[in-house]
Amino acid sequence: MTLPAQTHADPWPSLPLDAWTDTCATLHLWTQIVGKIRLAQTPWVNHSWHVTLYVTARGLTTSPIPHGMRVFQIDFDFVTHELVIQSSDGGRGGLPLRPQTVATFYERVMEELRKLELPVDIHKKPNEVPNAVRFDQDESHSAYDAEFANRFWRVLVQADRVFKRFRARFIGKCSPVHFFWGAPDLAVTRFSGRRAPEHPGGVPNLPDRIAQEAYSHEVSSCGFWPGGGPVPHAAFYSYAYPEPPGFSEARVKPDGAFYSRDLREFILPYDVVREADPRDRDDVLLDFLQSTYEAAANLAGWDRDGLERP
């Protein structure tokens, strides 16, 4: 399937959550299945960095996953709308991305892996979602709107590009820019180097030990997610853990950014960036990332001279 040329003209496309809620929910669970395949086959890395997906020129990828002496990777292609599985010995499989239940998607992915002699056993219950239903039993989520899946990926491309510019300013410990399928969100996280108080946990369908390991050290984290709950629209976010006193009252840029007391993080609606002058969009987003980071780092007393690129 080739999308009309005009759909590719705007690099920051409209992404109203209410127009693709069902597709967003289904795609979220599909990415969890693929992410859990990487999780099952990959050595544990600090802060769960081994489970994430990465933005590509066509969609999202697991990057190479070990399987014995071979490696394989799984890619979501949101241009031709395919899931592609490739192995280091030349094997190739996959399936079309189209309306289908989560249970069907799960069975087809596992069958493709078996055909390639790459069997993988995953934990079948979704993480970070309430009322989770096992993937192999979920017949209720089945929507797939190709246009909005493509728009979502195109927003991720822009966010990934700007986040990498922001990440380059920091020389301390910092995560890659990567897609966490639990939320789901694209995120990048900076660390002060100091230990943090134990995280209280309580994330739906996620063992407390995972959250506690993820937040073992002080962080300033930012990202993008399609929205939900108290923020029913696509948005960029920024938070600190532990949150220093005064953080919620900090003055940040640009106009339109606000502190959500429900989420305990700063929010910048995606449309604030999208509706800015095209020449200024990167700077509008960078202002948000930088000003919220500075609020966290200054209030928490980070060694900014030692952690930032001059």
C-alpha atoms as a PDB file:
ATOM      1  CA  MET A   1       0.000   0.000   0.000  1.00  0.00           C
ATOM      2  CA  THR A   2       1.357   3.418  -0.960  1.00  0.00           C
ATOM      3  CA  LEU A   3      -0.112   6.405   0.837  1.00  0.00           C
ATOM      4  CA  PRO A   4      -0.987   9.489  -1.230  1.00  0.00           C
ATOM      5  CA  ALA A   5       1.987  11.815  -1.630  1.00  0.00           C
ATOM      6  CA  GLN A   6       0.305  14.642   0.260  1.00  0.00           C
ATOM      7  CA  THR A   7       0.185  12.571   3.457  1.00  0.00           C
ATOM      8  CA  HIS A   8       3.976  12.730   3.540  1.00  0.00           C
ATOM      9  CA  ALA A   9       4.185  16.475   2.918  1.00  0.00           C
ATOM     10  CA  ASP A  10       3.762  17.602   6.544  1.00  0.00           C
ATOM     11  CA  PRO A  11       6.446  16.140   8.811  1.00  0.00           C
ATOM     12  CA  TRP A  12       4.359  17.085  11.872  1.00  0.00           C
ATOM     13  CA  PRO A  13       0.936  15.657  10.933  1.00  0.00           C
ATOM     14  CA  SER A  14      -2.271  16.079  12.888  1.00  0.00           C
ATOM     15  CA  LEU A  15      -2.696  13.272  15.436  1.00  0.00           C
ATOM     16  CA  PRO A  16      -5.986  13.759  17.359  1.00  0.00           C
ATOM     17  CA  LEU A  17      -6.280  10.862  19.782  1.00  0.00           C
ATOM     18  CA  ASP A  18     -10.051  10.597  19.445  1.00  0.00           C
ATOM     19  CA  ALA A  19      -9.645   9.896  15.705  1.00  0.00           C
ATOM     20  CA  TRP A  20      -7.535   6.778  16.226  1.00  0.00           C
ATOM     21  CA  THR A  21      -8.161   5.630  19.804  1.00  0.00           C
ATOM     22  CA  ASP A  22      -8.989   2.055  18.839  1.00  0.00           C
ATOM     23  CA  THR A  23      -6.009   1.753  16.488  1.00  0.00           C
ATOM     24  CA  CYS A  24      -3.737   3.257  19.133  1.00  0.00           C
ATOM     25  CA  ALA A  25      -4.888   0.688  21.698  1.00  0.00           C
ATOM     26  CA  THR A  26      -4.431  -2.228  19.303  1.00  0.00           C
ATOM     27  CA  LEU A  27      -1.044  -1.046  18.070  1.00  0.00           C
ATOM     28  CA  HIS A  28       0.067  -0.554  21.675  1.00  0.00           C
ATOM     29  CA  LEU A  29      -0.589  -4.240  22.373  1.00  0.00           C
ATOM     30  CA  TRP A  30       1.070  -5.366  19.134  1.00  0.00           C
ATOM     31  CA  THR A  31       4.228  -3.472  20.094  1.00  0.00           C
ATOM     32  CA  GLN A  32       4.108  -5.139  23.511  1.00  0.00           C
ATOM     33  CA  ILE A  33       4.136  -8.581  21.866  1.00  0.00           C
ATOM     34  CA  VAL A  34       7.137  -7.682  19.730  1.00  0.00           C
ATOM     35  CA  GLY A  35       8.890  -5.942  22.627  1.00  0.00           C
ATOM     36  CA  LYS A  36       8.395  -8.962  24.864  1.00  0.00           C
ATOM     37  CA  ILE A  37      10.081 -11.130  22.232  1.00  0.00           C
ATOM     38  CA  ARG A  38      13.139  -8.919  22.548  1.00  0.00           C
ATOM     39  CA  LEU A  39      12.807  -9.026  26.343  1.00  0.00           C
ATOM     40  CA  ALA A  40      12.687 -12.831  26.422  1.00  0.00           C
ATOM     41  CA  GLN A  41      15.846 -13.240  24.325  1.00  0.00           C
ATOM     42  CA  THR A  42      18.056 -10.393  25.530  1.00  0.00           C
ATOM     43  CA  PRO A  43      20.350 -10.139  28.589  1.00  0.00           C
ATOM     44  CA  TRP A  44      19.019  -7.773  31.228  1.00  0.00           C
ATOM     45  CA  VAL A  45      20.303  -4.215  30.912  1.00  0.00           C
ATOM     46  CA  ASN A  46      19.944  -1.503  33.572  1.00  0.00           C
ATOM     47  CA  HIS A  47      16.664   0.432  33.632  1.00  0.00           C
ATOM     48  CA  SER A  48      15.082  -2.058  31.183  1.00  0.00           C
ATOM     49  CA  TRP A  49      16.928  -0.521  28.247  1.00  0.00           C
ATOM     50  CA  HIS A  50      17.086  -3.988  26.669  1.00  0.00           C
ATOM     51  CA  VAL A  51      13.343  -4.173  26.008  1.00  0.00           C
ATOM     52  CA  THR A  52      12.817  -1.054  23.912  1.00  0.00           C
ATOM     53  CA  LEU A  53      12.143  -0.472  20.223  1.00  0.00           C
ATOM     54  CA  TYR A  54      13.832   2.158  18.043  1.00  0.00           C
ATOM     55  CA  VAL A  55      12.568   4.555  15.380  1.00  0.00           C
ATOM     56  CA  THR A  56      13.616   3.757  11.820  1.00  0.00           C
ATOM     57  CA  ALA A  57      13.168   5.367   8.402  1.00  0.00           C
ATOM     58  CA  ARG A  58      10.064   3.193   7.943  1.00  0.00           C
ATOM     59  CA  GLY A  59       8.728   2.429  11.407  1.00  0.00           C
ATOM     60  CA  LEU A  60      10.013   0.743  14.561  1.00  0.00           C
ATOM     61  CA  THR A  61      12.579  -1.997  15.059  1.00  0.00           C
ATOM     62  CA  THR A  62      13.722  -4.308  17.810  1.00  0.00           C
ATOM     63  CA  SER A  63      17.320  -4.096  16.554  1.00  0.00           C
ATOM     64  CA  PRO A  64      19.203  -7.467  16.446  1.00  0.00           C
ATOM     65  CA  ILE A  65      17.976 -10.064  18.954  1.00  0.00           C
ATOM     66  CA  PRO A  66      20.163 -13.087  19.840  1.00  0.00           C
ATOM     67  CA  HIS A  67      18.854 -16.620  19.280  1.00  0.00           C
ATOM     68  CA  GLY A  68      21.587 -19.170  19.812  1.00  0.00           C
ATOM     69  CA  MET A  69      24.344 -18.432  17.306  1.00  0.00           C
ATOM     70  CA  ARG A  70      21.944 -16.464  15.111  1.00  0.00           C
ATOM     71  CA  VAL A  71      20.328 -13.047  15.449  1.00  0.00           C
ATOM     72  CA  PHE A  72      17.033 -11.792  14.137  1.00  0.00           C
ATOM     73  CA  GLN A  73      15.087  -8.554  14.195  1.00  0.00           C
ATOM     74  CA  ILE A  74      11.459  -7.577  13.890  1.00  0.00           C
ATOM     75  CA  ASP A  75      10.394  -4.365  12.171  1.00  0.00           C
ATOM     76  CA  PHE A  76       7.094  -2.551  12.018  1.00  0.00           C
ATOM     77  CA  ASP A  77       6.969  -0.972   8.550  1.00  0.00           C
ATOM     78  CA  PHE A  78       4.396   1.824   8.621  1.00  0.00           C
ATOM     79  CA  VAL A  79       5.006   2.750   4.975  1.00  0.00           C
ATOM     80  CA  THR A  80       3.983  -0.563   3.379  1.00  0.00           C
ATOM     81  CA  HIS A  81       2.189  -1.689   6.575  1.00  0.00           C
ATOM     82  CA  GLU A  82       3.968  -4.950   7.183  1.00  0.00           C
ATOM     83  CA  LEU A  83       5.606  -6.675  10.114  1.00  0.00           C
ATOM     84  CA  VAL A  84       8.940  -7.968   8.831  1.00  0.00           C
ATOM     85  CA  ILE A  85      11.091 -10.631  10.524  1.00  0.00           C
ATOM     86  CA  GLN A  86      14.645 -11.135   9.258  1.00  0.00           C
ATOM     87  CA  SER A  87      17.383 -13.458  10.507  1.00  0.00           C
ATOM     88  CA  SER A  88      21.155 -13.428  10.112  1.00  0.00           C
ATOM     89  CA  ASP A  89      21.104 -16.619   8.017  1.00  0.00           C
ATOM     90  CA  GLY A  90      18.935 -15.033   5.329  1.00  0.00           C
ATOM     91  CA  GLY A  91      15.545 -16.067   6.666  1.00  0.00           C
ATOM     92  CA  ARG A  92      12.624 -13.734   6.179  1.00  0.00           C
ATOM     93  CA  GLY A  93       9.017 -13.811   7.291  1.00  0.00           C
ATOM     94  CA  GLY A  94       6.255 -11.510   8.354  1.00  0.00           C
ATOM     95  CA  LEU A  95       2.640 -10.549   7.986  1.00  0.00           C
ATOM     96  CA  PRO A  96       0.559  -7.601   6.804  1.00  0.00           C
ATOM     97  CA  LEU A  97      -0.477  -4.930   9.297  1.00  0.00           C
ATOM     98  CA  ARG A  98      -4.224  -4.749   8.900  1.00  0.00           C
ATOM     99  CA  PRO A  99      -7.312  -5.032  11.109  1.00  0.00           C
ATOM    100  CA  GLN A 100      -6.951  -8.241  13.142  1.00  0.00           C
ATOM    101  CA  THR A 101      -7.370  -9.168  16.772  1.00  0.00           C
ATOM    102  CA  VAL A 102      -4.474  -9.132  19.188  1.00  0.00           C
ATOM    103  CA  ALA A 103      -4.898 -12.898  19.570  1.00  0.00           C
ATOM    104  CA  THR A 104      -4.598 -13.402  15.801  1.00  0.00           C
ATOM    105  CA  PHE A 105      -1.593 -11.099  15.574  1.00  0.00           C
ATOM    106  CA  TYR A 106       0.099 -12.973  18.441  1.00  0.00           C
ATOM    107  CA  GLU A 107      -0.488 -16.401  16.865  1.00  0.00           C
ATOM    108  CA  ARG A 108       0.697 -15.264  13.438  1.00  0.00           C
ATOM    109  CA  VAL A 109       3.895 -13.696  14.798  1.00  0.00           C
ATOM    110  CA  MET A 110       4.717 -16.832  16.787  1.00  0.00           C
ATOM    111  CA  GLU A 111       3.993 -19.018  13.755  1.00  0.00           C
ATOM    112  CA  GLU A 112       6.321 -16.918  11.595  1.00  0.00           C
ATOM    113  CA  LEU A 113       9.071 -17.292  14.205  1.00  0.00           C
ATOM    114  CA  ARG A 114       8.557 -21.058  14.319  1.00  0.00           C
ATOM    115  CA  LYS A 115       8.792 -21.260  10.521  1.00  0.00           C
ATOM    116  CA  LEU A 116      12.172 -19.524  10.759  1.00  0.00           C
ATOM    117  CA  GLU A 117      13.238 -21.947  13.526  1.00  0.00           C
ATOM    118  CA  LEU A 118      13.250 -19.043  15.995  1.00  0.00           C
ATOM    119  CA  PRO A 119      10.791 -20.202  18.666  1.00  0.00           C
ATOM    120  CA  VAL A 120      10.323 -17.716  21.515  1.00  0.00           C
ATOM    121  CA  ASP A 121       8.189 -18.022  24.644  1.00  0.00           C
ATOM    122  CA  ILE A 122       6.968 -14.752  26.147  1.00  0.00           C
ATOM    123  CA  HIS A 123       4.966 -13.683  29.172  1.00  0.00           C
ATOM    124  CA  LYS A 124       1.543 -13.300  27.583  1.00  0.00           C
ATOM    125  CA  LYS A 125       0.014 -10.675  29.877  1.00  0.00           C
ATOM    126  CA  PRO A 126       0.395  -7.005  28.868  1.00  0.00           C
ATOM    127  CA  ASN A 127       2.271  -4.644  31.177  1.00  0.00           C
ATOM    128  CA  GLU A 128       1.324  -1.172  32.419  1.00  0.00           C
ATOM    129  CA  VAL A 129      -2.313  -1.454  31.385  1.00  0.00           C
ATOM    130  CA  PRO A 130      -5.253  -2.013  33.757  1.00  0.00           C
ATOM    131  CA  ASN A 131      -7.549  -4.997  33.260  1.00  0.00           C
ATOM    132  CA  ALA A 132      -4.927  -6.719  31.128  1.00  0.00           C
ATOM    133  CA  VAL A 133      -6.054  -9.640  28.936  1.00  0.00           C
ATOM    134  CA  ARG A 134      -3.586 -12.268  27.745  1.00  0.00           C
ATOM    135  CA  PHE A 135      -2.454 -11.660  24.171  1.00  0.00           C
ATOM    136  CA  ASP A 136      -3.622 -15.095  23.019  1.00  0.00           C
ATOM    137  CA  GLN A 137      -7.103 -14.438  24.447  1.00  0.00           C
ATOM    138  CA  ASP A 138      -7.642 -10.799  23.398  1.00  0.00           C
ATOM    139  CA  GLU A 139     -10.384 -10.741  20.776  1.00  0.00           C
ATOM    140  CA  SER A 140     -11.592  -7.216  21.576  1.00  0.00           C
ATOM    141  CA  HIS A 141      -8.731  -5.090  20.193  1.00  0.00           C
ATOM    142  CA  SER A 142      -8.595  -5.390  16.414  1.00  0.00           C
ATOM    143  CA  ALA A 143      -8.549  -1.919  14.814  1.00  0.00           C
ATOM    144  CA  TYR A 144      -5.822  -0.786  12.435  1.00  0.00           C
ATOM    145  CA  ASP A 145      -6.150   2.497  10.548  1.00  0.00           C
ATOM    146  CA  ALA A 146      -3.115   2.610   8.254  1.00  0.00           C
ATOM    147  CA  GLU A 147      -3.279   6.380   7.829  1.00  0.00           C
ATOM    148  CA  PHE A 148      -3.075   7.077  11.553  1.00  0.00           C
ATOM    149  CA  ALA A 149      -0.450   4.407  12.170  1.00  0.00           C
ATOM    150  CA  ASN A 150       1.636   6.169   9.534  1.00  0.00           C
ATOM    151  CA  ARG A 151       1.005   9.583  11.112  1.00  0.00           C
ATOM    152  CA  PHE A 152       2.032   8.277  14.534  1.00  0.00           C
ATOM    153  CA  TRP A 153       5.311   6.973  13.118  1.00  0.00           C
ATOM    154  CA  ARG A 154       5.959  10.281  11.340  1.00  0.00           C
ATOM    155  CA  VAL A 155       5.543  12.145  14.646  1.00  0.00           C
ATOM    156  CA  LEU A 156       7.956   9.668  16.252  1.00  0.00           C
ATOM    157  CA  VAL A 157      10.480  10.412  13.485  1.00  0.00           C
ATOM    158  CA  GLN A 158      10.424  14.120  14.322  1.00  0.00           C
ATOM    159  CA  ALA A 159      10.469  13.580  18.086  1.00  0.00           C
ATOM    160  CA  ASP A 160      13.344  11.111  17.755  1.00  0.00           C
ATOM    161  CA  ARG A 161      15.323  13.587  15.676  1.00  0.00           C
ATOM    162  CA  VAL A 162      14.871  16.496  18.112  1.00  0.00           C
ATOM    163  CA  PHE A 163      15.374  14.312  21.218  1.00  0.00           C
ATOM    164  CA  LYS A 164      18.735  13.204  19.822  1.00  0.00           C
ATOM    165  CA  ARG A 165      19.790  16.833  19.467  1.00  0.00           C
ATOM    166  CA  PHE A 166      18.788  17.387  23.091  1.00  0.00           C
ATOM    167  CA  ARG A 167      20.588  14.230  24.255  1.00  0.00           C
ATOM    168  CA  ALA A 168      23.828  15.402  22.599  1.00  0.00           C
ATOM    169  CA  ARG A 169      24.030  18.325  25.050  1.00  0.00           C
ATOM    170  CA  PHE A 170      24.594  15.957  27.998  1.00  0.00           C
ATOM    171  CA  ILE A 171      27.832  14.099  28.764  1.00  0.00           C
ATOM    172  CA  GLY A 172      26.697  12.335  31.936  1.00  0.00           C
ATOM    173  CA  LYS A 173      24.876   9.008  31.994  1.00  0.00           C
ATOM    174  CA  CYS A 174      21.966   9.199  29.583  1.00  0.00           C
ATOM    175  CA  SER A 175      19.676   6.658  27.973  1.00  0.00           C
ATOM    176  CA  PRO A 176      19.342   6.199  24.227  1.00  0.00           C
ATOM    177  CA  VAL A 177      16.292   7.719  22.603  1.00  0.00           C
ATOM    178  CA  HIS A 178      14.026   4.691  22.600  1.00  0.00           C
ATOM    179  CA  PHE A 179      10.408   3.544  22.451  1.00  0.00           C
ATOM    180  CA  PHE A 180       9.023   1.961  25.602  1.00  0.00           C
ATOM    181  CA  TRP A 181       6.061  -0.211  24.636  1.00  0.00           C
ATOM    182  CA  GLY A 182       4.662  -0.254  28.173  1.00  0.00           C
ATOM    183  CA  ALA A 183       3.231   3.277  28.131  1.00  0.00           C
ATOM    184  CA  PRO A 184       3.741   3.542  25.081  1.00  0.00           C
ATOM    185  CA  ASP A 185       6.168   6.457  24.735  1.00  0.00           C
ATOM    186  CA  LEU A 186       9.358   7.604  23.077  1.00  0.00           C
ATOM    187  CA  ALA A 187      11.724   8.700  25.837  1.00  0.00           C
ATOM    188  CA  VAL A 188      15.210   9.902  26.715  1.00  0.00           C
ATOM    189  CA  THR A 189      16.429  10.064  30.317  1.00  0.00           C
ATOM    190  CA  ARG A 190      19.312  11.933  31.965  1.00  0.00           C
ATOM    191  CA  PHE A 191      20.874  10.859  35.273  1.00  0.00           C
ATOM    192  CA  SER A 192      22.521  12.960  37.969  1.00  0.00           C
ATOM    193  CA  GLY A 193      24.696  10.041  39.102  1.00  0.00           C
ATOM    194  CA  ARG A 194      23.196   9.979  42.606  1.00  0.00           C
ATOM    195  CA  ARG A 195      21.069   7.223  44.098  1.00  0.00           C
ATOM    196  CA  ALA A 196      17.339   7.901  44.435  1.00  0.00           C
ATOM    197  CA  PRO A 197      14.858   6.880  47.118  1.00  0.00           C
ATOM    198  CA  GLU A 198      13.229   3.532  46.410  1.00  0.00           C
ATOM    199  CA  HIS A 199      10.384   3.944  43.933  1.00  0.00           C
ATOM    200  CA  PRO A 200       7.001   3.069  45.492  1.00  0.00           C
ATOM    201  CA  GLY A 201       5.954   0.949  42.507  1.00  0.00           C
ATOM    202  CA  GLY A 202       2.244   0.513  41.936  1.00  0.00           C
ATOM    203  CA  VAL A 203       2.339   0.594  38.124  1.00  0.00           C
ATOM    204  CA  PRO A 204      -0.534  -1.560  36.794  1.00  0.00           C
ATOM    205  CA  ASN A 205       0.588  -5.066  35.850  1.00  0.00           C
ATOM    206  CA  LEU A 206       4.271  -4.310  36.375  1.00  0.00           C
ATOM    207  CA  PRO A 207       6.285  -5.888  39.202  1.00  0.00           C
ATOM    208  CA  ASP A 208       7.410  -3.237  41.686  1.00  0.00           C
ATOM    209  CA  ARG A 209      11.002  -4.471  41.377  1.00  0.00           C
ATOM    210  CA  ILE A 210      11.053  -3.361  37.717  1.00  0.00           C
ATOM    211  CA  ALA A 211      10.030   0.204  38.544  1.00  0.00           C
ATOM    212  CA  GLN A 212      12.426   0.278  41.496  1.00  0.00           C
ATOM    213  CA  GLU A 213      15.350  -0.796  39.319  1.00  0.00           C
ATOM    214  CA  ALA A 214      14.358   1.663  36.590  1.00  0.00           C
ATOM    215  CA  TYR A 215      14.350   4.560  39.086  1.00  0.00           C
ATOM    216  CA  SER A 216      17.335   3.487  41.177  1.00  0.00           C
ATOM    217  CA  HIS A 217      19.065   6.823  40.457  1.00  0.00           C
ATOM    218  CA  GLU A 218      17.922  10.440  40.127  1.00  0.00           C
ATOM    219  CA  VAL A 219      16.546  11.247  36.702  1.00  0.00           C
ATOM    220  CA  SER A 220      15.224  14.002  34.518  1.00  0.00           C
ATOM    221  CA  SER A 221      13.218  12.286  31.813  1.00  0.00           C
ATOM    222  CA  CYS A 222      11.293  13.553  28.814  1.00  0.00           C
ATOM    223  CA  GLY A 223       9.366  12.015  25.982  1.00  0.00           C
ATOM    224  CA  PHE A 224       6.367  11.860  23.693  1.00  0.00           C
ATOM    225  CA  TRP A 225       3.246   9.745  23.927  1.00  0.00           C
ATOM    226  CA  PRO A 226      -0.061   9.702  22.062  1.00  0.00           C
ATOM    227  CA  GLY A 227      -2.038  10.724  25.128  1.00  0.00           C
ATOM    228  CA  GLY A 228      -4.652   9.230  27.396  1.00  0.00           C
ATOM    229  CA  GLY A 229      -6.340   9.589  30.770  1.00  0.00           C
ATOM    230  CA  PRO A 230      -5.978  13.090  32.207  1.00  0.00           C
ATOM    231  CA  VAL A 231      -4.228  14.289  29.030  1.00  0.00           C
ATOM    232  CA  PRO A 232      -6.515  13.169  26.183  1.00  0.00           C
ATOM    233  CA  HIS A 233      -4.275  14.363  23.381  1.00  0.00           C
ATOM    234  CA  ALA A 234      -0.806  13.730  22.006  1.00  0.00           C
ATOM    235  CA  ALA A 235       1.813  15.437  24.142  1.00  0.00           C
ATOM    236  CA  PHE A 236       5.425  15.835  25.090  1.00  0.00           C
ATOM    237  CA  TYR A 237       6.231  15.405  28.772  1.00  0.00           C
ATOM    238  CA  SER A 238       9.054  16.008  31.239  1.00  0.00           C
ATOM    239  CA  TYR A 239       9.383  14.889  34.860  1.00  0.00           C
ATOM    240  CA  ALA A 240      11.958  14.423  37.607  1.00  0.00           C
ATOM    241  CA  TYR A 241      12.372  11.533  40.017  1.00  0.00           C
ATOM    242  CA  PRO A 242      12.535  12.239  42.835  1.00  0.00           C
ATOM    243  CA  GLU A 243      10.664  15.457  42.207  1.00  0.00           C
ATOM    244  CA  PRO A 244      12.511  18.305  43.949  1.00  0.00           C
ATOM    245  CA  PRO A 245      10.581  20.874  46.007  1.00  0.00           C
ATOM    246  CA  GLY A 246       9.326  23.703  43.843  1.00  0.00           C
ATOM    247  CA  PHE A 247       9.443  21.739  40.583  1.00  0.00           C
ATOM    248  CA  SER A 248       5.719  21.993  39.942  1.00  0.00           C
ATOM    249  CA  GLU A 249       5.858  25.799  40.247  1.00  0.00           C
ATOM    250  CA  ALA A 250       8.867  26.233  37.949  1.00  0.00           C
ATOM    251  CA  ARG A 251       8.489  28.591  35.011  1.00  0.00           C
ATOM    252  CA  VAL A 252       9.131  26.675  31.812  1.00  0.00           C
ATOM    253  CA  LYS A 253       8.923  27.343  28.088  1.00  0.00           C
ATOM    254  CA  PRO A 254       7.065  27.687  25.768  1.00  0.00           C
ATOM    255  CA  ASP A 255       3.665  29.251  26.364  1.00  0.00           C
ATOM    256  CA  GLY A 256       1.182  26.396  26.467  1.00  0.00           C
ATOM    257  CA  ALA A 257       3.291  24.093  28.624  1.00  0.00           C
ATOM    258  CA  PHE A 258       1.776  23.247  32.000  1.00  0.00           C
ATOM    259  CA  TYR A 259       2.297  21.046  35.035  1.00  0.00           C
ATOM    260  CA  SER A 260      -0.151  18.143  35.364  1.00  0.00           C
ATOM    261  CA  ARG A 261      -0.813  17.371  39.008  1.00  0.00           C
ATOM    262  CA  ASP A 262      -2.469  14.115  37.963  1.00  0.00           C
ATOM    263  CA  LEU A 263       0.664  12.866  36.211  1.00  0.00           C
ATOM    264  CA  ARG A 264       3.189  14.912  38.231  1.00  0.00           C
ATOM    265  CA  GLU A 265       4.990  16.031  35.103  1.00  0.00           C
ATOM    266  CA  PHE A 266       5.164  18.973  32.748  1.00  0.00           C
ATOM    267  CA  ILE A 267       3.079  18.619  29.592  1.00  0.00           C
ATOM    268  CA  LEU A 268       3.469  20.328  26.226  1.00  0.00           C
ATOM    269  CA  PRO A 269       0.546  19.540  23.922  1.00  0.00           C
ATOM    270  CA  TYR A 270       1.800  18.217  20.605  1.00  0.00           C
ATOM    271  CA  ASP A 271      -0.335  20.742  18.749  1.00  0.00           C
ATOM    272  CA  VAL A 272       1.638  23.632  20.324  1.00  0.00           C
ATOM    273  CA  VAL A 273       4.670  22.387  18.408  1.00  0.00           C
ATOM    274  CA  ARG A 274       2.738  21.394  15.311  1.00  0.00           C
ATOM    275  CA  GLU A 275       1.023  24.784  15.008  1.00  0.00           C
ATOM    276  CA  ALA A 276       4.222  26.821  15.455  1.00  0.00           C
ATOM    277  CA  ASP A 277       5.959  28.365  12.477  1.00  0.00           C
ATOM    278  CA  PRO A 278       7.567  25.411  10.640  1.00  0.00           C
ATOM    279  CA  ARG A 279      10.966  27.107  10.984  1.00  0.00           C
ATOM    280  CA  ASP A 280      10.547  27.254  14.776  1.00  0.00           C
ATOM    281  CA  ARG A 281       9.108  23.844  15.641  1.00  0.00           C
ATOM    282  CA  ASP A 282      12.418  22.277  16.650  1.00  0.00           C
ATOM    283  CA  ASP A 283      13.260  25.243  18.852  1.00  0.00           C
ATOM    284  CA  VAL A 284       9.831  25.249  20.495  1.00  0.00           C
ATOM    285  CA  LEU A 285      10.289  21.614  21.493  1.00  0.00           C
ATOM    286  CA  LEU A 286      13.925  22.114  22.514  1.00  0.00           C
ATOM    287  CA  ASP A 287      12.887  25.044  24.725  1.00  0.00           C
ATOM    288  CA  PHE A 288      10.465  22.752  26.539  1.00  0.00           C
ATOM    289  CA  LEU A 289      13.038  19.978  26.971  1.00  0.00           C
ATOM    290  CA  GLN A 290      15.779  22.346  28.118  1.00  0.00           C
ATOM    291  CA  SER A 291      13.714  24.512  30.456  1.00  0.00           C
ATOM    292  CA  THR A 292      12.108  21.549  32.243  1.00  0.00           C
ATOM    293  CA  TYR A 293      15.480  19.819  32.576  1.00  0.00           C
ATOM    294  CA  GLU A 294      17.030  22.994  34.010  1.00  0.00           C
ATOM    295  CA  ALA A 295      14.186  23.285  36.516  1.00  0.00           C
ATOM    296  CA  ALA A 296      14.793  19.716  37.691  1.00  0.00           C
ATOM    297  CA  ALA A 297      18.597  19.971  37.716  1.00  0.00           C
ATOM    298  CA  ASN A 298      18.787  23.374  39.419  1.00  0.00           C
ATOM    299  CA  LEU A 299      16.235  22.583  42.108  1.00  0.00           C
ATOM    300  CA  ALA A 300      17.840  19.214  42.855  1.00  0.00           C
ATOM    301  CA  GLY A 301      21.381  20.595  42.855  1.00  0.00           C
ATOM    302  CA  TRP A 302      22.824  18.537  39.991  1.00  0.00           C
ATOM    303  CA  ASP A 303      26.486  19.087  39.075  1.00  0.00           C
ATOM    304  CA  ARG A 304      25.561  20.729  35.785  1.00  0.00           C
ATOM    305  CA  ASP A 305      29.121  21.860  35.005  1.00  0.00           C
ATOM    306  CA  GLY A 306      30.281  18.259  35.166  1.00  0.00           C
ATOM    307  CA  LEU A 307      27.300  16.744  33.329  1.00  0.00           C
ATOM    308  CA  GLU A 308      26.667  19.071  30.394  1.00  0.00           C
ATOM    309  CA  ARG A 309      28.572  19.741  27.216  1.00  0.00           C
ATOM    310  CA  PRO A 310      30.066  23.278  27.399  1.00  0.00           C
END
